Amino acid sequence: MTDTTPYSPNTTGGQEVGVVFATRGSMFALGVLRHSLLAYALFPEGRGAYALCVMLATCLGAAFTFSVEYGAQYWVMAKRMSVSRGLFLTIVVALVGSGLAAAVAVSLNRADLAFFQNMDTSSFYLSLALLPFCAISYAAELQLAGLRHFVPLAVLAVTQSVVAVLGIVVLVWKLDMGVEGAILALIAAHVVLCAGCVWYLRKHCGLAFEMPSRAETLRVLGYGLRHHAKHIGDVFQSAFGVLVLGLIAGRVDIGLFAAANALVRHVKELSNSVGVVLYPRVAGRVEKSSETIALNLRLICLATGSTLALMLALSEPLVELLLSEPFLPAVPLMWILAPGMFADAAGLIFTIYFNGTNRPGVCSWAVWLGLGVNVVVLLALYPMLGVAGIAWAVTVGLILRTVFLGFMFQRATGMTLCSVWLPRGSDFAYLQGVVSRALSRAAP
């Protein structure tokens, strides 16, 4: 079918990156504030229990939605499917998948595994309410991004972050509801984002919830299943340290690792900002995309590396200020995790290329290679280094995953190692031009 879904007005990639980057910057600040409030209110022990509940719900939810949201986004961007049919299909799968995930979670909890002893039963069951709202809000968010409606998406995303922060202030600080209050605040934030995205898509993009055809459903499922191994691997790799510690350590160690990981991982917002804009421009367009990917890779490496260097230089006062003194043992973990986050930010740009050129299988291989390395390094180092061994496992896995993606990118495009990674004078000229145009358009 021919899709008549309206796209955003003609804008340059630099302008769109500016909008998304400003949004991500605001979300970065609000995210740090949220983690800071949680740290001061819950201390390492409560922070660990909260991280376990959220990570488990996130992993189970992702496992049972089969990455249909990515398939719908891709085919809507490629104008082979309407947003009405794409989102309808993802909502149906999200609801069914959430039900299956909740059933599996309850069964695991009743099996009395050691993992669940680090979570209060009431908090665990409450976290299952996250499943449908996370899945639907993320699917709607992907559609807005794919259609390049970045300004409304920016407003809704920042609103979600504000609701999350206000929820913690009211439920955790004022009402002293602890971990359960933190989970309720996160649920409220997803409900707001879900409702806002659906409302905007109905009003401005003709969303009408139409039943997709059998051929469209198979196309979406086909892309989703090919992407699913990568998506599941991504989710589990993000949660790897917390989930492993849930099996072998106590809440305090979990809380320290989760806090360090969350603080360093926020730096990836730089790469996410570019990736959100880059993906719709690459999807279905193989020609000239390799040079664009390489350019953005080099700029992301420069920006992410500079930010991480500054963060590590100020790590001790930063942790003491943002997370409180009991979290100071997390500082060495930040230093270990930082190289992995740098590699992850670079790897995201390669992922955009392979997903956008309909080769998500390459990304799946990369993710599971990284997870395999995680396990091997964990078994080798945890007996000697404890929590630091898990941090090293995460970092080494992310680095090798990005090395694999870089190799496959060079093989697919024929570009040399230097032409991909080595900075050029034209990179800085391009960046200067983007900033100049953004400033000139912002001026009265």
Protein backbone atom coordinates (compact mmCIF):
# COMPACT_ATOMS: atom_id res chain seq x y z
CA MET A 1 0.00 0.00 0.00
CA THR A 2 1.04 3.64 -0.33
CA ASP A 3 1.44 5.41 2.98
CA THR A 4 0.12 8.93 3.21
CA THR A 5 1.32 9.54 6.76
CA PRO A 6 2.61 13.12 6.96
CA TYR A 7 6.27 13.60 7.63
CA SER A 8 7.73 16.58 9.43
CA PRO A 9 8.53 19.73 7.41
CA ASN A 10 11.75 19.65 5.43
CA THR A 11 14.57 20.11 7.90
CA THR A 12 18.29 19.44 7.76
CA GLY A 13 19.94 16.65 9.71
CA GLY A 14 21.78 19.28 11.75
CA GLN A 15 18.53 20.96 12.79
CA GLU A 16 16.98 17.65 13.75
CA VAL A 17 20.07 16.64 15.71
CA GLY A 18 19.84 20.00 17.48
CA VAL A 19 16.25 19.36 18.54
CA VAL A 20 16.95 15.81 19.66
CA PHE A 21 20.23 16.78 21.32
CA ALA A 22 18.51 19.53 23.32
CA THR A 23 15.87 17.00 24.34
CA ARG A 24 18.43 14.41 25.33
CA GLY A 25 20.36 17.06 27.23
CA SER A 26 17.25 17.91 29.24
CA MET A 27 16.53 14.22 29.78
CA PHE A 28 20.15 13.69 30.84
CA ALA A 29 19.83 16.38 33.49
CA LEU A 30 16.45 15.08 34.66
CA GLY A 31 17.74 11.50 34.62
CA VAL A 32 20.71 12.42 36.80
CA LEU A 33 18.34 14.25 39.15
CA ARG A 34 16.08 11.19 39.29
CA HIS A 35 18.96 8.84 40.10
CA SER A 36 20.25 11.33 42.66
CA LEU A 37 16.87 11.47 44.41
CA LEU A 38 16.66 7.68 44.40
CA ALA A 39 20.17 7.35 45.81
CA TYR A 40 19.60 9.79 48.67
CA ALA A 41 16.20 8.27 49.52
CA LEU A 42 16.84 4.53 49.08
CA PHE A 43 20.58 4.20 49.84
CA PRO A 44 22.55 1.40 48.11
CA GLU A 45 20.34 -1.39 49.48
CA GLY A 46 17.03 0.08 48.31
CA ARG A 47 18.62 1.23 45.05
CA GLY A 48 19.67 -2.35 44.41
CA ALA A 49 16.18 -3.75 45.02
CA TYR A 50 14.66 -1.11 42.71
CA ALA A 51 17.19 -1.88 39.96
CA LEU A 52 16.45 -5.61 40.17
CA CYS A 53 12.68 -5.11 39.89
CA VAL A 54 12.93 -2.76 36.91
CA MET A 55 15.62 -4.75 35.08
CA LEU A 56 13.74 -8.03 35.41
CA ALA A 57 10.49 -6.48 34.14
CA THR A 58 12.34 -4.81 31.27
CA CYS A 59 14.07 -8.03 30.18
CA LEU A 60 10.93 -10.18 30.36
CA GLY A 61 8.85 -7.57 28.54
CA ALA A 62 11.39 -7.31 25.73
CA ALA A 63 11.63 -11.08 25.40
CA PHE A 64 7.93 -11.58 24.69
CA THR A 65 7.20 -8.70 22.30
CA PHE A 66 9.46 -10.20 19.59
CA SER A 67 10.76 -6.75 18.52
CA VAL A 68 7.61 -6.14 16.49
CA GLU A 69 7.88 -2.42 17.30
CA TYR A 70 11.11 -2.22 15.28
CA GLY A 71 9.57 -4.04 12.34
CA ALA A 72 6.59 -1.67 12.34
CA GLN A 73 8.86 1.36 12.53
CA TYR A 74 11.02 0.16 9.64
CA TRP A 75 8.15 -0.57 7.24
CA VAL A 76 6.34 2.67 8.12
CA MET A 77 9.56 4.61 7.45
CA ALA A 78 9.97 2.75 4.18
CA LYS A 79 6.37 3.81 3.29
CA ARG A 80 5.27 0.21 2.89
CA MET A 81 2.79 0.39 5.77
CA SER A 82 0.61 3.02 7.44
CA VAL A 83 1.27 4.16 10.99
CA SER A 84 -2.30 3.15 11.88
CA ARG A 85 -1.69 -0.48 10.98
CA GLY A 86 1.85 -0.54 12.32
CA LEU A 87 0.96 0.78 15.76
CA PHE A 88 -2.19 -1.37 16.00
CA LEU A 89 -0.11 -4.49 15.43
CA THR A 90 2.52 -3.47 17.99
CA ILE A 91 -0.13 -2.70 20.64
CA VAL A 92 -1.77 -6.10 20.18
CA VAL A 93 1.58 -7.89 20.44
CA ALA A 94 2.58 -5.72 23.43
CA LEU A 95 -0.57 -6.64 25.37
CA VAL A 96 -0.30 -10.36 24.62
CA GLY A 97 3.45 -10.39 25.24
CA SER A 98 3.08 -8.52 28.54
CA GLY A 99 0.59 -11.10 29.72
CA LEU A 100 2.95 -13.94 28.83
CA ALA A 101 5.90 -12.16 30.47
CA ALA A 102 3.92 -11.60 33.68
CA ALA A 103 2.91 -15.27 33.79
CA VAL A 104 6.53 -16.37 33.41
CA ALA A 105 7.66 -13.89 36.08
CA VAL A 106 5.08 -15.15 38.58
CA SER A 107 6.10 -18.76 37.89
CA LEU A 108 9.76 -17.93 38.46
CA ASN A 109 8.94 -16.13 41.69
CA ARG A 110 6.99 -19.11 43.00
CA ALA A 111 9.97 -21.35 42.27
CA ASP A 112 11.69 -19.60 45.21
CA LEU A 113 14.93 -18.85 43.36
CA ALA A 114 17.69 -17.05 45.26
CA PHE A 115 17.42 -14.16 42.79
CA PHE A 116 14.02 -13.13 44.16
CA GLN A 117 15.24 -12.93 47.76
CA ASN A 118 16.81 -9.56 46.90
CA MET A 119 13.35 -8.15 46.05
CA ASP A 120 10.29 -7.59 48.20
CA THR A 121 7.36 -9.58 46.84
CA SER A 122 5.06 -6.55 46.73
CA SER A 123 7.64 -4.51 44.78
CA PHE A 124 8.18 -7.36 42.35
CA TYR A 125 4.48 -7.77 41.56
CA LEU A 126 4.04 -4.00 41.23
CA SER A 127 6.88 -3.86 38.70
CA LEU A 128 4.91 -6.20 36.42
CA ALA A 129 2.48 -3.32 35.79
CA LEU A 130 5.35 -1.68 33.89
CA LEU A 131 5.20 -4.30 31.13
CA PRO A 132 2.34 -3.10 28.89
CA PHE A 133 2.94 0.62 29.38
CA CYS A 134 6.67 0.34 28.62
CA ALA A 135 6.00 -1.67 25.47
CA ILE A 136 3.24 0.54 24.08
CA SER A 137 4.91 3.87 24.91
CA TYR A 138 8.17 2.71 23.32
CA ALA A 139 6.37 1.51 20.17
CA ALA A 140 4.57 4.86 19.82
CA GLU A 141 7.81 6.74 20.49
CA LEU A 142 9.55 4.79 17.71
CA GLN A 143 6.79 5.72 15.29
CA LEU A 144 7.13 9.42 16.07
CA ALA A 145 10.89 9.21 15.63
CA GLY A 146 10.57 7.24 12.39
CA LEU A 147 8.19 9.87 11.00
CA ARG A 148 10.68 12.58 12.07
CA HIS A 149 8.24 14.42 14.32
CA PHE A 150 11.08 15.31 16.65
CA VAL A 151 9.69 18.46 18.27
CA PRO A 152 6.52 16.85 19.71
CA LEU A 153 8.56 13.78 20.62
CA ALA A 154 10.95 16.08 22.46
CA VAL A 155 8.14 17.71 24.41
CA LEU A 156 6.63 14.35 25.34
CA ALA A 157 9.96 12.79 26.32
CA VAL A 158 10.88 15.71 28.58
CA THR A 159 7.38 15.61 30.07
CA GLN A 160 7.87 11.93 30.84
CA SER A 161 11.15 12.68 32.64
CA VAL A 162 9.55 15.50 34.63
CA VAL A 163 6.69 13.21 35.71
CA ALA A 164 9.23 10.58 36.81
CA VAL A 165 11.10 13.13 38.93
CA LEU A 166 7.93 14.59 40.45
CA GLY A 167 6.67 11.08 41.16
CA ILE A 168 9.80 10.28 43.15
CA VAL A 169 9.58 13.55 45.07
CA VAL A 170 5.95 12.91 46.04
CA LEU A 171 5.86 9.12 46.44
CA VAL A 172 9.36 8.38 47.72
CA TRP A 173 10.37 11.54 49.58
CA LYS A 174 7.04 12.94 50.79
CA LEU A 175 5.00 9.75 51.28
CA ASP A 176 7.99 7.55 52.15
CA MET A 177 6.80 4.67 49.93
CA GLY A 178 10.34 3.46 49.24
CA VAL A 179 10.99 1.10 46.33
CA GLU A 180 7.28 0.74 45.57
CA GLY A 181 6.92 4.52 45.29
CA ALA A 182 9.85 4.63 42.86
CA ILE A 183 8.25 1.94 40.69
CA LEU A 184 4.89 3.75 40.74
CA ALA A 185 6.63 6.95 39.64
CA LEU A 186 8.16 5.10 36.68
CA ILE A 187 4.79 3.60 35.75
CA ALA A 188 3.18 7.06 35.82
CA ALA A 189 5.91 8.44 33.55
CA HIS A 190 5.33 5.69 30.96
CA VAL A 191 1.55 6.18 31.10
CA VAL A 192 2.00 9.89 30.33
CA LEU A 193 4.35 9.20 27.42
CA CYS A 194 2.06 6.49 26.05
CA ALA A 195 -1.05 8.70 26.20
CA GLY A 196 0.77 11.71 24.74
CA CYS A 197 2.26 9.81 21.79
CA VAL A 198 -1.05 8.16 20.89
CA TRP A 199 -2.92 11.47 21.17
CA TYR A 200 -0.42 13.24 18.89
CA LEU A 201 -0.41 10.44 16.32
CA ARG A 202 -4.22 10.47 16.21
CA LYS A 203 -4.42 14.23 15.82
CA HIS A 204 -1.56 14.88 13.40
CA CYS A 205 -0.70 11.59 11.69
CA GLY A 206 -4.12 10.10 11.00
CA LEU A 207 -3.79 7.26 13.52
CA ALA A 208 -6.98 5.19 13.34
CA PHE A 209 -5.93 1.71 14.52
CA GLU A 210 -6.55 -0.32 11.39
CA MET A 211 -6.07 -4.06 11.17
CA PRO A 212 -2.96 -4.81 9.07
CA SER A 213 -3.15 -7.23 6.17
CA ARG A 214 -1.66 -10.69 6.41
CA ALA A 215 1.24 -9.68 4.15
CA GLU A 216 1.98 -6.59 6.26
CA THR A 217 1.84 -8.62 9.46
CA LEU A 218 4.28 -11.17 8.08
CA ARG A 219 6.66 -8.40 6.92
CA VAL A 220 6.64 -6.78 10.36
CA LEU A 221 7.06 -10.08 12.16
CA GLY A 222 9.84 -11.09 9.77
CA TYR A 223 11.85 -7.94 10.41
CA GLY A 224 11.10 -8.07 14.12
CA LEU A 225 12.23 -11.67 14.51
CA ARG A 226 15.46 -10.98 12.63
CA HIS A 227 16.01 -7.98 14.88
CA HIS A 228 14.86 -9.79 18.03
CA ALA A 229 18.09 -11.57 18.87
CA LYS A 230 19.89 -8.24 18.74
CA HIS A 231 17.23 -6.43 20.78
CA ILE A 232 17.09 -9.11 23.47
CA GLY A 233 20.86 -9.19 23.61
CA ASP A 234 20.96 -5.40 23.98
CA VAL A 235 18.47 -5.45 26.82
CA PHE A 236 20.20 -8.30 28.63
CA GLN A 237 23.62 -6.74 28.12
CA SER A 238 22.36 -3.48 29.65
CA ALA A 239 20.98 -5.44 32.58
CA PHE A 240 23.80 -8.01 32.70
CA GLY A 241 25.63 -6.72 35.76
CA VAL A 242 22.49 -6.13 37.81
CA LEU A 243 20.95 -9.51 36.94
CA VAL A 244 24.16 -11.45 37.67
CA LEU A 245 24.63 -9.66 40.98
CA GLY A 246 21.03 -10.52 41.81
CA LEU A 247 22.06 -14.19 41.68
CA ILE A 248 25.34 -14.02 43.57
CA ALA A 249 25.47 -10.83 45.66
CA GLY A 250 23.45 -8.70 48.06
CA ARG A 251 21.39 -5.55 47.57
CA VAL A 252 24.23 -3.18 48.51
CA ASP A 253 26.57 -4.45 45.77
CA ILE A 254 23.67 -4.39 43.30
CA GLY A 255 22.89 -0.79 44.25
CA LEU A 256 26.49 0.37 43.87
CA PHE A 257 26.86 -1.25 40.45
CA ALA A 258 23.45 -0.02 39.25
CA ALA A 259 24.25 3.56 40.31
CA ALA A 260 27.68 3.58 38.62
CA ASN A 261 26.28 2.00 35.46
CA ALA A 262 23.36 4.44 35.27
CA LEU A 263 25.59 7.48 35.74
CA VAL A 264 28.10 6.47 33.06
CA ARG A 265 25.44 5.15 30.67
CA HIS A 266 23.81 8.59 30.48
CA VAL A 267 26.76 9.64 28.27
CA LYS A 268 25.32 7.39 25.56
CA GLU A 269 22.53 9.96 25.12
CA LEU A 270 24.92 11.80 22.77
CA SER A 271 24.98 8.83 20.42
CA ASN A 272 21.25 8.23 20.87
CA SER A 273 20.55 11.82 19.81
CA VAL A 274 22.35 11.34 16.51
CA GLY A 275 21.03 7.82 16.01
CA VAL A 276 17.38 8.85 16.33
CA VAL A 277 17.81 11.38 13.52
CA LEU A 278 20.13 9.26 11.40
CA TYR A 279 17.98 6.12 11.26
CA PRO A 280 15.06 7.55 9.22
CA ARG A 281 17.58 9.07 6.79
CA VAL A 282 19.41 5.76 6.31
CA ALA A 283 16.42 3.39 6.28
CA GLY A 284 15.99 1.94 2.81
CA ARG A 285 18.71 4.16 1.34
CA VAL A 286 21.97 2.27 0.84
CA GLU A 287 23.50 4.87 -1.49
CA LYS A 288 25.92 7.29 0.20
CA SER A 289 24.85 6.10 3.67
CA SER A 290 28.29 4.67 4.46
CA GLU A 291 30.04 8.06 4.34
CA THR A 292 27.30 9.60 6.46
CA ILE A 293 27.64 6.83 9.03
CA ALA A 294 31.43 7.21 9.18
CA LEU A 295 31.18 10.98 9.62
CA ASN A 296 28.71 10.67 12.47
CA LEU A 297 30.79 7.91 14.06
CA ARG A 298 33.86 10.14 14.25
CA LEU A 299 31.90 13.06 15.69
CA ILE A 300 30.22 10.82 18.27
CA CYS A 301 33.57 9.37 19.35
CA LEU A 302 34.94 12.87 19.85
CA ALA A 303 31.94 14.09 21.84
CA THR A 304 31.53 10.94 23.95
CA GLY A 305 35.23 10.64 24.71
CA SER A 306 35.45 14.27 25.85
CA THR A 307 32.38 13.95 28.07
CA LEU A 308 33.60 10.73 29.68
CA ALA A 309 37.03 12.21 30.33
CA LEU A 310 35.46 15.17 32.14
CA MET A 311 33.11 12.91 34.11
CA LEU A 312 35.95 10.66 35.27
CA ALA A 313 38.16 13.59 36.21
CA LEU A 314 35.40 14.78 38.57
CA SER A 315 34.13 11.32 39.51
CA GLU A 316 34.62 11.43 43.29
CA PRO A 317 33.04 14.84 43.98
CA LEU A 318 30.39 14.04 41.35
CA VAL A 319 29.34 10.81 43.06
CA GLU A 320 29.44 12.36 46.52
CA LEU A 321 27.26 15.26 45.35
CA LEU A 322 24.81 13.40 43.12
CA LEU A 323 24.55 10.03 44.86
CA SER A 324 25.69 10.68 48.46
CA GLU A 325 28.72 9.44 50.38
CA PRO A 326 27.59 5.78 50.78
CA PHE A 327 27.93 5.43 46.99
CA LEU A 328 31.65 6.42 46.86
CA PRO A 329 32.69 2.75 46.40
CA ALA A 330 30.98 3.04 42.98
CA VAL A 331 33.70 5.41 41.68
CA PRO A 332 36.18 2.65 40.66
CA LEU A 333 33.32 0.89 38.87
CA MET A 334 32.70 4.05 36.81
CA TRP A 335 36.34 4.04 35.65
CA ILE A 336 36.06 0.41 34.59
CA LEU A 337 32.71 0.86 32.81
CA ALA A 338 33.67 4.07 30.94
CA PRO A 339 35.64 2.42 28.06
CA GLY A 340 32.71 0.06 27.49
CA MET A 341 30.24 2.94 27.32
CA PHE A 342 32.51 4.71 24.82
CA ALA A 343 32.58 1.59 22.65
CA ASP A 344 28.81 1.16 23.02
CA ALA A 345 28.18 4.72 21.82
CA ALA A 346 30.29 4.07 18.71
CA GLY A 347 28.64 0.70 18.13
CA LEU A 348 25.21 2.30 18.08
CA ILE A 349 26.14 4.22 14.91
CA PHE A 350 27.14 1.00 13.15
CA THR A 351 23.86 -0.54 14.32
CA ILE A 352 21.95 2.29 12.64
CA TYR A 353 23.62 1.39 9.34
CA PHE A 354 22.84 -2.33 9.46
CA ASN A 355 19.28 -1.90 10.71
CA GLY A 356 18.61 0.86 8.20
CA THR A 357 19.88 -1.25 5.29
CA ASN A 358 17.68 -4.20 6.35
CA ARG A 359 20.51 -6.31 7.80
CA PRO A 360 19.62 -6.55 11.49
CA GLY A 361 21.10 -10.04 11.65
CA VAL A 362 24.62 -8.55 11.76
CA CYS A 363 23.70 -6.63 14.90
CA SER A 364 22.27 -9.78 16.47
CA TRP A 365 25.54 -11.64 15.94
CA ALA A 366 27.45 -8.71 17.46
CA VAL A 367 25.27 -8.54 20.56
CA TRP A 368 25.45 -12.23 21.32
CA LEU A 369 29.20 -12.24 20.72
CA GLY A 370 29.42 -9.51 23.35
CA LEU A 371 27.23 -11.45 25.78
CA GLY A 372 29.31 -14.58 25.31
CA VAL A 373 32.45 -12.60 26.14
CA ASN A 374 30.64 -11.14 29.18
CA VAL A 375 30.10 -14.62 30.58
CA VAL A 376 33.68 -15.82 29.91
CA VAL A 377 35.29 -12.73 31.50
CA LEU A 378 32.84 -12.89 34.41
CA LEU A 379 33.78 -16.49 35.21
CA ALA A 380 37.48 -15.61 35.01
CA LEU A 381 37.48 -12.38 37.03
CA TYR A 382 34.60 -12.45 39.52
CA PRO A 383 36.31 -14.89 41.94
CA MET A 384 39.32 -12.53 42.13
CA LEU A 385 37.77 -9.05 41.78
CA GLY A 386 34.15 -9.38 42.92
CA VAL A 387 31.87 -6.61 41.62
CA ALA A 388 34.77 -5.05 39.70
CA GLY A 389 35.06 -8.32 37.77
CA ILE A 390 31.47 -7.91 36.55
CA ALA A 391 32.23 -4.34 35.48
CA TRP A 392 35.23 -5.58 33.49
CA ALA A 393 33.05 -8.28 31.91
CA VAL A 394 30.56 -5.65 30.72
CA THR A 395 33.30 -3.41 29.31
CA VAL A 396 35.23 -6.13 27.47
CA GLY A 397 32.00 -7.48 25.95
CA LEU A 398 30.96 -4.05 24.67
CA ILE A 399 34.40 -3.35 23.19
CA LEU A 400 34.59 -6.65 21.29
CA ARG A 401 31.02 -6.21 20.08
CA THR A 402 31.88 -2.82 18.57
CA VAL A 403 35.09 -4.17 17.03
CA PHE A 404 33.01 -6.84 15.28
CA LEU A 405 30.48 -4.27 14.03
CA GLY A 406 33.28 -2.06 12.76
CA PHE A 407 34.85 -4.97 10.88
CA MET A 408 31.51 -5.91 9.30
CA PHE A 409 30.88 -2.28 8.34
CA GLN A 410 34.23 -2.04 6.56
CA ARG A 411 33.57 -5.35 4.83
CA ALA A 412 30.10 -4.23 3.67
CA THR A 413 31.17 -0.78 2.46
CA GLY A 414 34.74 -1.36 1.28
CA MET A 415 35.96 1.56 3.41
CA THR A 416 39.41 1.34 5.00
CA LEU A 417 40.11 1.47 8.73
CA CYS A 418 41.51 5.01 8.47
CA SER A 419 38.64 6.31 6.35
CA VAL A 420 36.16 5.13 8.97
CA TRP A 421 37.87 6.12 12.22
CA LEU A 422 40.53 8.76 11.51
CA PRO A 423 39.24 12.33 12.06
CA ARG A 424 39.38 14.72 9.09
CA GLY A 425 39.45 18.46 8.78
CA SER A 426 36.14 18.28 6.94
CA ASP A 427 34.52 16.73 10.05
CA PHE A 428 35.14 19.86 12.05
CA ALA A 429 34.07 22.06 9.16
CA TYR A 430 30.81 20.11 8.97
CA LEU A 431 30.28 20.43 12.72
CA GLN A 432 31.00 24.16 12.60
CA GLY A 433 28.53 24.55 9.75
CA VAL A 434 25.81 22.68 11.64
CA VAL A 435 26.31 24.86 14.72
CA SER A 436 26.39 28.06 12.65
CA ARG A 437 23.17 27.19 10.82
CA ALA A 438 21.46 26.24 14.06
CA LEU A 439 22.47 29.54 15.68
CA SER A 440 21.44 31.59 12.66
CA ARG A 441 18.01 29.96 12.54
CA ALA A 442 17.61 30.45 16.28
CA ALA A 443 18.37 34.16 15.99
CA PRO A 444 15.35 36.54 15.54
